Structures are given as C-alpha cells and as structure tokens.
Amino acid sequence: MTVIRREDLYESPLADLHALAAELGIEGYRTLRRETLIEAILERAGEASEPAPAPVESASEVATGAPPAVAEKRSVAFGARPEDAVPLAGSEELVAQEAAAGDEAREAEKGAAREPVERRSGRGEGETVVAGVLDLLANGSGFIRVDPAGPSRRDVYVSPAQIRRCGLRPGDEVRGRARPPRRGERHPSLVRVESVAGGPPEPPLERPRFDELEVLYPIERLDLPSPFDRVPVGRGSRVAVAGPPWTGRSSLLRRVAQALVSPPAAVPLVGLESDATAPVVVAGLVGVRPEELGEWRAIEGVRVFGGSFDESGEAVAQAVDWAVEFCKRHAERGRDAVLLLDDADRLPTVARRRAFAAGRRVAGAATVTVFAACDERSELVSMATARVTLGPRPPHAPDGELHVLFERSGTLRADLLT
C-alpha cells in the first residue's frame, strides 16, 4: 500500500486533494478548508499522525479551525511569519486564496490531467490507450475525437497545459493514455501524450502555419485513372467533380481514392509504420447514402470523417472541419494530403468555402489536394483549378461507365504540371 505523506499533501494543489478525497470516500470534501481536508485524508488513509499540542485559542485557530501546529507548518511552507500564516477572515489575501481554490476545483471538474497525484498514490488502474484527432476549444482546452463521425461520450479531454507543452494544433493526430472519468466528469481525461502524428510528442523546432504560407500553382502531377489522363491534376489542386445527381460523381471520387492508396495502408495510423512518400487520403462525407458510407469505409487506407444523411447535419459538418485541419497538419509536417468531399454542396456556405480553399500548394510545406463532388452550377466550379464535368449516362451504356463532358472540363495552368 502506498504511504500518503503529510508533506506531499501540503505541496499538492487543491484539485489533487479533491481527487484523492473523492477516491477515499470523504463526504463533503469540497466544503472543507485545506488544512481540515488534509487531516481528513490522513485520518481516512490510516496514517499515524504525530501528537498535537494542547489546543490554544488563537485568532488563527478561530479563523481556520486548524491547530497551531498546522498553521505553523503552513507558514514555513509559504515563507511567511507564523503570526501571518493564516489570513484573517475577510482579508484580501483570503479572498484571493479562495478564488484560486475555486479555479482549481473547476479545472478538476472539467477533467484536467493529474499525473503527479496518480504517480504519488500509485494509481493508474483503468487507464487505456486512446488515439484520435484533436479538436481545440476556444478556452484553450480540447478533446481527442475518437469517432470521426462526430462528437461522442468516448472523446477524451485534453488540458490546456498539455496542449501548450506539446505545441498541439487542431487536427493533430494524438495518441496517449487516458484515465476513466471521475465523479462529476463526463469524459475521460488524457494523462500522458505518447505521440503526435506518429512521431514524438515534443513539438518540432520549426513548424510552419499552413494558412499563413504563400500559395503557388501546382507543378507536380498526380497519377490518377481516367478521365484524369486528359484532365491532369497536380498536387495542391482544387478539383470540382461537377454534374447532376446519378452521373457517378461519388463513384469517380472512390476511384481516385483507390488509385491513391494502392498499395493499401498509405494513410499513417498512429503508432504504425507506413509509406511516408504516399499522400494521406481522407474522405469527408456530408450526408451521403448509408450504402455509399459502407463503400467508403471498405477502401483500406482511407480515413473517413463525417457520415450519411441520417446523422446530425451539425455533427457531420464539424467532422468535415476536423478532416480539413487533419490534412493541413500533415502538410505542415511535410506529408502531402488529399481530401475527397462528397457531397460538398450539402455543407454550409462558409464551411464549404473553407474546406475547398484548403486545396493548395504552399511554399515551405507539403500540399493539400481537394476533390469536391458538386453540382455543375456550384460556386466551387469557379473556384477550382481543375474541373471534371459529368453528364447523364447514354442509353445502353455499361453500368459504372462515366460520361465525361470534356468540352466543359479542363485544368488551369496545365502547362506547369510535369
């Protein structure tokens, strides 16, 4: 059994004391003052405490309910004079300490990681290995989204301190160890970051910001099946696959995915080796048919974000945004990425533009190539650097055959592609 020492408790933040008190089953621990809470933890843990001197009525004891020995030890720890060790009730110092304690308690309730306490008390049972894409919140904290279809109760909370320490950005693929949620928490909490994008958790010395780099025309051609032999596409292109429904737009995107992940396993799964020269291939699905969702998931080596039309539209749009950030983070680390959007027109206008604009070749980083299935009248057609226009299949044409309108298809600055 691990011995809990008094000096360790005095050096611990209030959030750690609350976590330990909860595990020991101390009732009403959140209402106890710090010194009283420490004594309750020691008593419940069974530590034989040293004999305390006879109680003396003093201003500090009346204010805090703590014996003089405790107040003296606290004054030494904070480097204060014994008579000033415990602030008087209503003083500014006491108000500041109570405010800080409240902040720590709120951080504990949100699931902040408490690795030092777990190491001292010998806990760690129930920890699991988790992996997913980081979603950063406005307050500096975040969640590892383990389900690419949208938010779920299995998502893992990441504290702001861990995000700052590892230099994490939204869309980073994070692997680590998480503990189960404690009482009052809704999600598991990350205890330790083990890897980021398959590499060490330490932030790289130089990491550009994809959105801030100069945008250049594509110059390196992607090797793709027909009809892209006649409509060439470069790494970093924005490709509009346009046409009415039932013309094979989704089928063409899946053909592109199959060509890019051959041989399979081109997408790096966290902790696994993969072909670093192959592009990362990601599918962002926005309200597709459930049968098509199954076809996408059957393509080995493709990361699928979003879902079918029976999913929440807001959750699907959010998942596509994760896919966009996921591709940008790989490009920042020197890995080309390809995003396949099906069907882009179902995204809200701002989200649709943001996702399609991610397709670019930038100076100082790798590329993100975006293929978007859309209507022929979609605004994406005018924003594209390459477009393939599909028409209705002629009568008696074989199933699966695409009717490409080459006179309405083309590539901007195709002369630069080699």
Protein backbone atom coordinates (compact mmCIF):
# COMPACT_ATOMS: atom_id res chain seq x y z
CA MET A 1 0.00 0.00 0.00
CA THR A 2 1.37 3.43 -0.90
CA VAL A 3 2.00 5.71 2.11
CA ILE A 4 0.48 9.17 1.82
CA ARG A 5 2.81 11.66 3.50
CA ARG A 6 1.73 14.89 5.10
CA GLU A 7 4.42 16.95 3.35
CA ASP A 8 3.28 15.66 -0.05
CA LEU A 9 -0.27 16.75 0.67
CA TYR A 10 0.83 20.28 1.65
CA GLU A 11 2.71 20.60 -1.65
CA SER A 12 -0.25 19.38 -3.74
CA PRO A 13 -2.74 21.72 -5.43
CA LEU A 14 -6.29 21.76 -4.18
CA ALA A 15 -7.53 19.94 -7.28
CA ASP A 16 -5.29 16.97 -6.45
CA LEU A 17 -6.51 16.92 -2.85
CA HIS A 18 -10.12 16.87 -4.04
CA ALA A 19 -9.35 13.97 -6.39
CA LEU A 20 -7.70 11.99 -3.58
CA ALA A 21 -10.53 12.76 -1.16
CA ALA A 22 -13.07 11.55 -3.70
CA GLU A 23 -11.28 8.22 -4.04
CA LEU A 24 -11.07 7.82 -0.27
CA GLY A 25 -14.81 8.44 0.01
CA ILE A 26 -14.65 11.57 2.20
CA GLU A 27 -18.09 13.15 2.29
CA GLY A 28 -18.42 16.88 1.66
CA TYR A 29 -14.73 17.28 0.87
CA ARG A 30 -15.35 20.29 -1.37
CA THR A 31 -16.69 22.31 1.57
CA LEU A 32 -13.65 21.64 3.82
CA ARG A 33 -10.82 24.11 4.23
CA ARG A 34 -7.41 22.97 3.02
CA GLU A 35 -5.92 22.07 6.42
CA THR A 36 -9.08 20.27 7.55
CA LEU A 37 -9.16 18.40 4.26
CA ILE A 38 -5.56 17.25 4.69
CA GLU A 39 -6.26 15.98 8.20
CA ALA A 40 -9.34 14.13 6.92
CA ILE A 41 -7.28 12.49 4.16
CA LEU A 42 -4.58 11.39 6.62
CA GLU A 43 -7.16 10.06 9.05
CA ARG A 44 -9.00 8.13 6.32
CA ALA A 45 -5.71 6.80 4.90
CA GLY A 46 -4.80 5.47 8.35
CA GLU A 47 -1.59 7.42 8.84
CA ALA A 48 -0.48 7.72 12.44
CA SER A 49 -0.19 11.44 12.93
CA GLU A 50 2.21 12.94 15.45
CA PRO A 51 0.71 14.09 18.76
CA ALA A 52 -0.65 17.59 18.53
CA PRO A 53 -0.12 20.14 21.29
CA ALA A 54 -2.96 21.15 23.53
CA PRO A 55 -5.45 23.37 21.71
CA VAL A 56 -4.85 27.07 22.21
CA GLU A 57 -7.49 29.62 21.48
CA SER A 58 -5.97 31.97 18.91
CA ALA A 59 -7.14 34.21 16.13
CA SER A 60 -5.72 31.84 13.51
CA GLU A 61 -7.49 28.81 15.01
CA VAL A 62 -10.79 30.66 15.21
CA ALA A 63 -10.45 31.80 11.59
CA THR A 64 -9.47 28.45 10.06
CA GLY A 65 -10.34 25.72 12.53
CA ALA A 66 -6.75 24.38 12.15
CA PRO A 67 -4.46 23.58 15.14
CA PRO A 68 -1.43 25.90 15.63
CA ALA A 69 0.98 23.14 14.52
CA VAL A 70 -0.68 23.02 11.13
CA ALA A 71 -0.72 26.80 10.81
CA GLU A 72 2.99 26.95 11.73
CA LYS A 73 3.89 24.28 9.16
CA ARG A 74 1.91 26.16 6.52
CA SER A 75 3.68 29.40 7.36
CA VAL A 76 7.08 27.75 6.89
CA ALA A 77 5.99 26.29 3.54
CA PHE A 78 4.99 29.70 2.20
CA GLY A 79 7.89 31.59 3.81
CA ALA A 80 5.63 33.79 5.96
CA ARG A 81 5.85 34.82 9.59
CA PRO A 82 3.94 32.49 11.97
CA GLU A 83 1.57 35.26 13.04
CA ASP A 84 0.78 35.95 9.36
CA ALA A 85 0.47 32.30 8.28
CA VAL A 86 -3.34 32.24 8.18
CA PRO A 87 -5.05 35.27 6.63
CA LEU A 88 -7.81 36.82 8.65
CA ALA A 89 -11.39 36.29 7.60
CA GLY A 90 -12.47 38.87 5.05
CA SER A 91 -8.91 39.89 4.16
CA GLU A 92 -7.85 40.39 0.52
CA GLU A 93 -5.36 37.53 0.79
CA LEU A 94 -8.05 35.10 1.94
CA VAL A 95 -10.37 36.18 -0.87
CA ALA A 96 -7.57 35.62 -3.41
CA GLN A 97 -6.80 32.17 -2.00
CA GLU A 98 -10.46 31.16 -2.11
CA ALA A 99 -10.76 32.36 -5.71
CA ALA A 100 -7.68 30.33 -6.69
CA ALA A 101 -9.11 27.27 -4.96
CA GLY A 102 -12.36 27.70 -6.87
CA ASP A 103 -10.47 27.85 -10.16
CA GLU A 104 -8.60 24.65 -9.32
CA ALA A 105 -11.82 22.90 -8.40
CA ARG A 106 -13.47 23.90 -11.64
CA GLU A 107 -10.45 22.66 -13.58
CA ALA A 108 -10.70 19.34 -11.77
CA GLU A 109 -14.38 19.02 -12.62
CA LYS A 110 -13.62 19.60 -16.30
CA GLY A 111 -11.22 16.67 -16.26
CA ALA A 112 -7.76 18.19 -16.04
CA ALA A 113 -4.95 15.62 -16.00
CA ARG A 114 -3.48 14.86 -12.55
CA GLU A 115 -0.44 12.79 -13.37
CA PRO A 116 1.64 13.84 -10.30
CA VAL A 117 -1.07 12.69 -7.85
CA GLU A 118 -1.52 9.39 -9.67
CA ARG A 119 2.22 8.81 -9.58
CA ARG A 120 2.48 9.56 -5.84
CA SER A 121 -0.51 7.47 -4.81
CA GLY A 122 0.38 4.52 -7.05
CA ARG A 123 -2.85 4.70 -9.05
CA GLY A 124 -3.29 4.33 -12.80
CA GLU A 125 -5.64 1.38 -12.86
CA GLY A 126 -8.18 1.55 -15.64
CA GLU A 127 -6.00 3.67 -17.96
CA THR A 128 -6.43 2.95 -21.66
CA VAL A 129 -4.55 3.85 -24.83
CA VAL A 130 -6.52 6.32 -26.95
CA ALA A 131 -5.93 7.82 -30.39
CA GLY A 132 -7.80 10.38 -32.43
CA VAL A 133 -7.82 13.87 -33.90
CA LEU A 134 -7.51 16.91 -31.64
CA ASP A 135 -10.39 19.38 -31.61
CA LEU A 136 -9.32 22.65 -29.98
CA LEU A 137 -11.84 24.70 -27.99
CA ALA A 138 -11.98 28.47 -27.55
CA ASN A 139 -10.85 28.29 -23.90
CA GLY A 140 -7.53 26.61 -24.79
CA SER A 141 -8.55 23.08 -23.83
CA GLY A 142 -9.52 20.39 -26.31
CA PHE A 143 -10.83 16.92 -26.99
CA ILE A 144 -9.35 13.93 -28.75
CA ARG A 145 -12.18 12.94 -31.09
CA VAL A 146 -12.01 9.17 -31.27
CA ASP A 147 -15.04 8.82 -33.55
CA PRO A 148 -14.52 10.55 -36.93
CA ALA A 149 -18.31 10.60 -37.45
CA GLY A 150 -18.76 13.34 -34.83
CA PRO A 151 -18.58 14.13 -31.08
CA SER A 152 -19.21 11.24 -28.67
CA ARG A 153 -19.02 10.38 -24.96
CA ARG A 154 -15.81 8.46 -25.67
CA ASP A 155 -13.96 11.67 -26.60
CA VAL A 156 -11.01 12.38 -24.30
CA TYR A 157 -10.46 15.73 -22.58
CA VAL A 158 -7.04 17.40 -23.04
CA SER A 159 -5.97 20.14 -20.64
CA PRO A 160 -4.59 23.50 -21.86
CA ALA A 161 -1.26 22.72 -20.17
CA GLN A 162 -0.78 19.56 -22.22
CA ILE A 163 -1.73 21.39 -25.42
CA ARG A 164 0.83 24.14 -24.73
CA ARG A 165 3.56 21.74 -23.64
CA CYS A 166 3.33 19.61 -26.80
CA GLY A 167 2.57 22.52 -29.15
CA LEU A 168 -0.63 20.84 -30.32
CA ARG A 169 -2.86 22.31 -33.03
CA PRO A 170 -6.39 21.41 -34.14
CA GLY A 171 -6.28 18.40 -36.45
CA ASP A 172 -3.17 16.85 -34.87
CA GLU A 173 -3.42 13.08 -34.57
CA VAL A 174 -2.70 12.35 -30.91
CA ARG A 175 -2.04 9.06 -29.14
CA GLY A 176 -1.75 8.75 -25.37
CA ARG A 177 -3.03 7.23 -22.15
CA ALA A 178 -6.33 8.30 -20.61
CA ARG A 179 -7.96 7.64 -17.27
CA PRO A 180 -11.69 6.99 -16.77
CA PRO A 181 -13.94 9.94 -15.82
CA ARG A 182 -14.21 10.62 -12.11
CA ARG A 183 -17.30 11.62 -10.21
CA GLY A 184 -18.81 14.75 -11.75
CA GLU A 185 -16.88 14.35 -15.04
CA ARG A 186 -18.45 13.45 -18.38
CA HIS A 187 -15.38 12.42 -20.36
CA PRO A 188 -12.12 10.53 -19.81
CA SER A 189 -9.05 12.73 -19.36
CA LEU A 190 -5.68 12.45 -21.07
CA VAL A 191 -2.91 11.57 -18.62
CA ARG A 192 0.06 11.50 -20.98
CA VAL A 193 0.75 12.27 -24.66
CA GLU A 194 2.75 9.44 -26.21
CA SER A 195 2.93 10.51 -29.86
CA VAL A 196 1.73 13.17 -32.28
CA ALA A 197 1.20 12.23 -35.95
CA GLY A 198 3.12 9.02 -35.28
CA GLY A 199 6.20 10.93 -34.04
CA PRO A 200 7.48 12.08 -30.65
CA PRO A 201 5.20 14.27 -28.53
CA GLU A 202 7.73 17.12 -28.38
CA PRO A 203 6.85 19.98 -30.75
CA PRO A 204 9.14 20.25 -33.79
CA LEU A 205 11.72 23.02 -33.77
CA GLU A 206 10.27 24.52 -36.94
CA ARG A 207 6.64 24.03 -37.89
CA PRO A 208 5.07 26.41 -40.41
CA ARG A 209 1.46 27.50 -40.26
CA PHE A 210 -0.23 26.24 -43.40
CA ASP A 211 -2.73 29.11 -43.75
CA GLU A 212 -0.02 31.76 -43.49
CA LEU A 213 2.26 30.48 -46.27
CA GLU A 214 2.45 31.75 -49.85
CA VAL A 215 0.16 29.87 -52.25
CA LEU A 216 1.69 28.61 -55.53
CA TYR A 217 0.35 26.88 -58.64
CA PRO A 218 0.65 23.07 -58.66
CA ILE A 219 3.63 21.76 -60.62
CA GLU A 220 3.75 18.02 -59.79
CA ARG A 221 1.15 15.82 -61.45
CA LEU A 222 -0.86 13.21 -59.54
CA ASP A 223 -1.02 9.77 -61.13
CA LEU A 224 -4.77 9.14 -61.43
CA PRO A 225 -7.09 6.97 -63.55
CA SER A 226 -9.23 8.15 -66.48
CA PRO A 227 -10.57 10.79 -67.07
CA PHE A 228 -7.63 12.50 -65.36
CA ASP A 229 -5.32 11.38 -68.15
CA ARG A 230 -7.00 14.10 -70.22
CA VAL A 231 -7.77 16.48 -67.33
CA PRO A 232 -4.50 16.48 -65.39
CA VAL A 233 -4.48 17.23 -61.66
CA GLY A 234 -1.45 18.43 -59.71
CA ARG A 235 -0.59 18.08 -56.06
CA GLY A 236 -2.27 21.05 -54.41
CA SER A 237 -5.14 21.39 -56.90
CA ARG A 238 -8.75 22.20 -56.14
CA VAL A 239 -10.79 19.82 -58.29
CA ALA A 240 -14.54 20.22 -58.85
CA VAL A 241 -16.20 16.98 -59.92
CA ALA A 242 -19.42 18.53 -61.22
CA GLY A 243 -22.60 17.16 -62.65
CA PRO A 244 -26.25 16.35 -61.89
CA PRO A 245 -27.17 13.57 -59.45
CA TRP A 246 -26.83 9.98 -60.69
CA THR A 247 -23.95 10.81 -63.03
CA GLY A 248 -21.28 8.99 -60.99
CA ARG A 249 -19.66 11.81 -59.02
CA SER A 250 -19.24 9.71 -55.87
CA SER A 251 -18.08 6.73 -57.91
CA LEU A 252 -15.34 8.83 -59.51
CA LEU A 253 -14.13 10.06 -56.12
CA ARG A 254 -13.87 6.47 -54.86
CA ARG A 255 -11.85 5.54 -57.97
CA VAL A 256 -9.46 8.37 -57.12
CA ALA A 257 -9.18 7.10 -53.54
CA GLN A 258 -8.47 3.56 -54.72
CA ALA A 259 -5.71 4.79 -57.01
CA LEU A 260 -4.07 6.90 -54.29
CA VAL A 261 -3.98 4.18 -51.62
CA SER A 262 -2.64 1.46 -53.91
CA PRO A 263 -0.76 -0.29 -52.37
CA PRO A 264 -3.02 -0.14 -49.27
CA ALA A 265 -2.16 1.31 -45.86
CA ALA A 266 -0.81 4.57 -47.32
CA VAL A 267 -2.55 6.51 -44.53
CA PRO A 268 -0.46 6.62 -41.35
CA LEU A 269 -2.35 5.20 -38.41
CA VAL A 270 -0.91 6.42 -35.13
CA GLY A 271 1.98 4.26 -33.98
CA LEU A 272 2.17 2.21 -37.21
CA GLU A 273 4.75 2.37 -39.96
CA SER A 274 3.57 3.45 -43.41
CA ASP A 275 4.81 4.70 -46.75
CA ALA A 276 5.86 8.26 -45.94
CA THR A 277 6.02 9.19 -49.65
CA ALA A 278 2.36 8.37 -50.34
CA PRO A 279 -0.24 11.06 -49.66
CA VAL A 280 -2.58 10.91 -46.70
CA VAL A 281 -6.04 10.18 -48.13
CA VAL A 282 -9.09 11.47 -46.26
CA ALA A 283 -12.78 11.29 -47.16
CA GLY A 284 -15.10 13.99 -45.83
CA LEU A 285 -18.65 12.67 -46.25
CA VAL A 286 -21.57 15.08 -45.96
CA GLY A 287 -24.94 13.36 -45.89
CA VAL A 288 -24.17 10.55 -48.34
CA ARG A 289 -26.31 7.43 -48.72
CA PRO A 290 -25.68 4.82 -45.99
CA GLU A 291 -24.69 2.31 -48.70
CA GLU A 292 -22.07 4.74 -50.01
CA LEU A 293 -20.75 5.24 -46.49
CA GLY A 294 -20.14 1.49 -46.32
CA GLU A 295 -18.32 1.58 -49.68
CA TRP A 296 -16.03 4.36 -48.47
CA ARG A 297 -15.19 2.53 -45.26
CA ALA A 298 -14.34 -0.60 -47.25
CA ILE A 299 -11.45 1.19 -49.00
CA GLU A 300 -8.40 0.21 -46.99
CA GLY A 301 -6.10 3.11 -46.22
CA VAL A 302 -8.69 5.91 -46.35
CA ARG A 303 -9.60 7.85 -43.21
CA VAL A 304 -13.35 8.56 -43.26
CA PHE A 305 -14.80 11.62 -41.49
CA GLY A 306 -18.49 12.54 -41.39
CA GLY A 307 -21.38 10.24 -42.22
CA SER A 308 -24.65 9.57 -44.00
CA PHE A 309 -27.81 11.64 -44.20
CA ASP A 310 -29.26 10.01 -41.07
CA GLU A 311 -26.55 11.71 -38.96
CA SER A 312 -26.89 15.17 -37.43
CA GLY A 313 -26.03 17.80 -40.02
CA GLU A 314 -24.14 19.88 -37.46
CA ALA A 315 -22.06 16.89 -36.30
CA VAL A 316 -21.23 15.89 -39.88
CA ALA A 317 -20.17 19.44 -40.78
CA GLN A 318 -17.97 19.55 -37.68
CA ALA A 319 -16.38 16.22 -38.60
CA VAL A 320 -15.55 17.53 -42.09
CA ASP A 321 -13.88 20.53 -40.45
CA TRP A 322 -11.71 18.08 -38.45
CA ALA A 323 -10.80 16.38 -41.73
CA VAL A 324 -9.67 19.71 -43.21
CA GLU A 325 -7.50 20.50 -40.18
CA PHE A 326 -6.17 16.93 -40.18
CA CYS A 327 -4.92 17.39 -43.76
CA LYS A 328 -3.34 20.78 -43.00
CA ARG A 329 -1.41 19.42 -40.01
CA HIS A 330 0.09 16.63 -42.14
CA ALA A 331 1.07 19.18 -44.79
CA GLU A 332 2.80 21.29 -42.14
CA ARG A 333 4.86 18.23 -41.19
CA GLY A 334 5.89 17.61 -44.82
CA ARG A 335 3.33 15.00 -45.86
CA ASP A 336 1.05 15.53 -48.89
CA ALA A 337 -2.66 15.08 -48.18
CA VAL A 338 -5.73 14.51 -50.38
CA LEU A 339 -9.24 15.40 -49.20
CA LEU A 340 -12.27 13.95 -51.02
CA LEU A 341 -15.51 15.84 -50.26
CA ASP A 342 -18.78 14.06 -51.02
CA ASP A 343 -21.15 15.92 -51.33
CA ALA A 344 -19.65 19.39 -50.89
CA ASP A 345 -22.86 21.27 -51.75
CA ARG A 346 -24.52 19.93 -48.59
CA LEU A 347 -22.06 21.82 -46.38
CA PRO A 348 -22.98 25.29 -45.07
CA THR A 349 -21.62 28.02 -47.34
CA VAL A 350 -18.78 29.19 -45.09
CA ALA A 351 -17.70 25.64 -44.24
CA ARG A 352 -17.83 24.65 -47.93
CA ARG A 353 -15.59 27.52 -48.97
CA ARG A 354 -13.14 26.91 -46.13
CA ALA A 355 -12.86 23.22 -46.94
CA PHE A 356 -12.38 23.77 -50.68
CA ALA A 357 -9.85 26.58 -50.12
CA ALA A 358 -7.64 24.16 -48.18
CA GLY A 359 -6.56 22.74 -51.54
CA ARG A 360 -3.28 24.48 -52.31
CA ARG A 361 0.44 24.15 -52.83
CA VAL A 362 2.33 26.39 -50.42
CA ALA A 363 5.92 27.46 -50.05
CA GLY A 364 7.70 25.78 -47.16
CA ALA A 365 5.30 22.86 -46.64
CA ALA A 366 3.67 19.98 -48.48
CA THR A 367 0.37 20.16 -50.37
CA VAL A 368 -3.32 19.56 -49.77
CA THR A 369 -5.35 18.46 -52.81
CA VAL A 370 -9.15 18.70 -52.61
CA PHE A 371 -11.64 16.83 -54.81
CA ALA A 372 -15.21 18.04 -54.31
CA ALA A 373 -18.36 16.46 -55.73
CA CYS A 374 -20.76 19.28 -56.51
CA ASP A 375 -23.49 20.48 -58.84
CA GLU A 376 -22.49 21.93 -62.19
CA ARG A 377 -23.86 25.32 -61.08
CA SER A 378 -21.98 25.26 -57.78
CA GLU A 379 -19.75 28.20 -56.86
CA LEU A 380 -16.93 25.69 -56.39
CA VAL A 381 -16.65 25.28 -60.15
CA SER A 382 -15.41 28.88 -60.48
CA MET A 383 -13.02 28.44 -57.52
CA ALA A 384 -11.46 25.24 -58.86
CA THR A 385 -8.06 24.92 -60.54
CA ALA A 386 -9.32 21.80 -62.34
CA ARG A 387 -12.81 20.58 -63.13
CA VAL A 388 -14.34 17.39 -64.48
CA THR A 389 -17.92 17.76 -65.71
CA LEU A 390 -20.07 14.65 -65.90
CA GLY A 391 -23.24 14.23 -67.92
CA PRO A 392 -26.10 11.71 -67.87
CA ARG A 393 -25.02 8.25 -68.97
CA PRO A 394 -26.12 7.48 -72.54
CA PRO A 395 -28.78 4.78 -73.00
CA HIS A 396 -27.47 1.21 -73.08
CA ALA A 397 -24.10 2.31 -71.65
CA PRO A 398 -22.49 -0.28 -69.32
CA ASP A 399 -23.10 0.16 -65.61
CA GLY A 400 -20.34 2.13 -63.94
CA GLU A 401 -19.27 3.91 -67.10
CA LEU A 402 -18.88 7.67 -66.75
CA HIS A 403 -19.94 10.14 -69.41
CA VAL A 404 -17.36 12.95 -69.19
CA LEU A 405 -18.10 16.22 -70.96
CA PHE A 406 -14.52 17.06 -71.90
CA GLU A 407 -15.55 20.24 -73.71
CA ARG A 408 -16.68 21.58 -70.29
CA SER A 409 -13.74 20.16 -68.34
CA GLY A 410 -10.19 21.41 -68.02
CA THR A 411 -7.20 22.40 -65.87
CA LEU A 412 -5.91 25.88 -65.09
CA ARG A 413 -2.23 26.28 -65.98
CA ALA A 414 -1.88 22.67 -67.05
CA ASP A 415 1.39 23.66 -68.76
CA LEU A 416 3.08 23.83 -65.32
CA LEU A 417 2.37 20.17 -64.50
CA THR A 418 5.22 17.72 -65.01
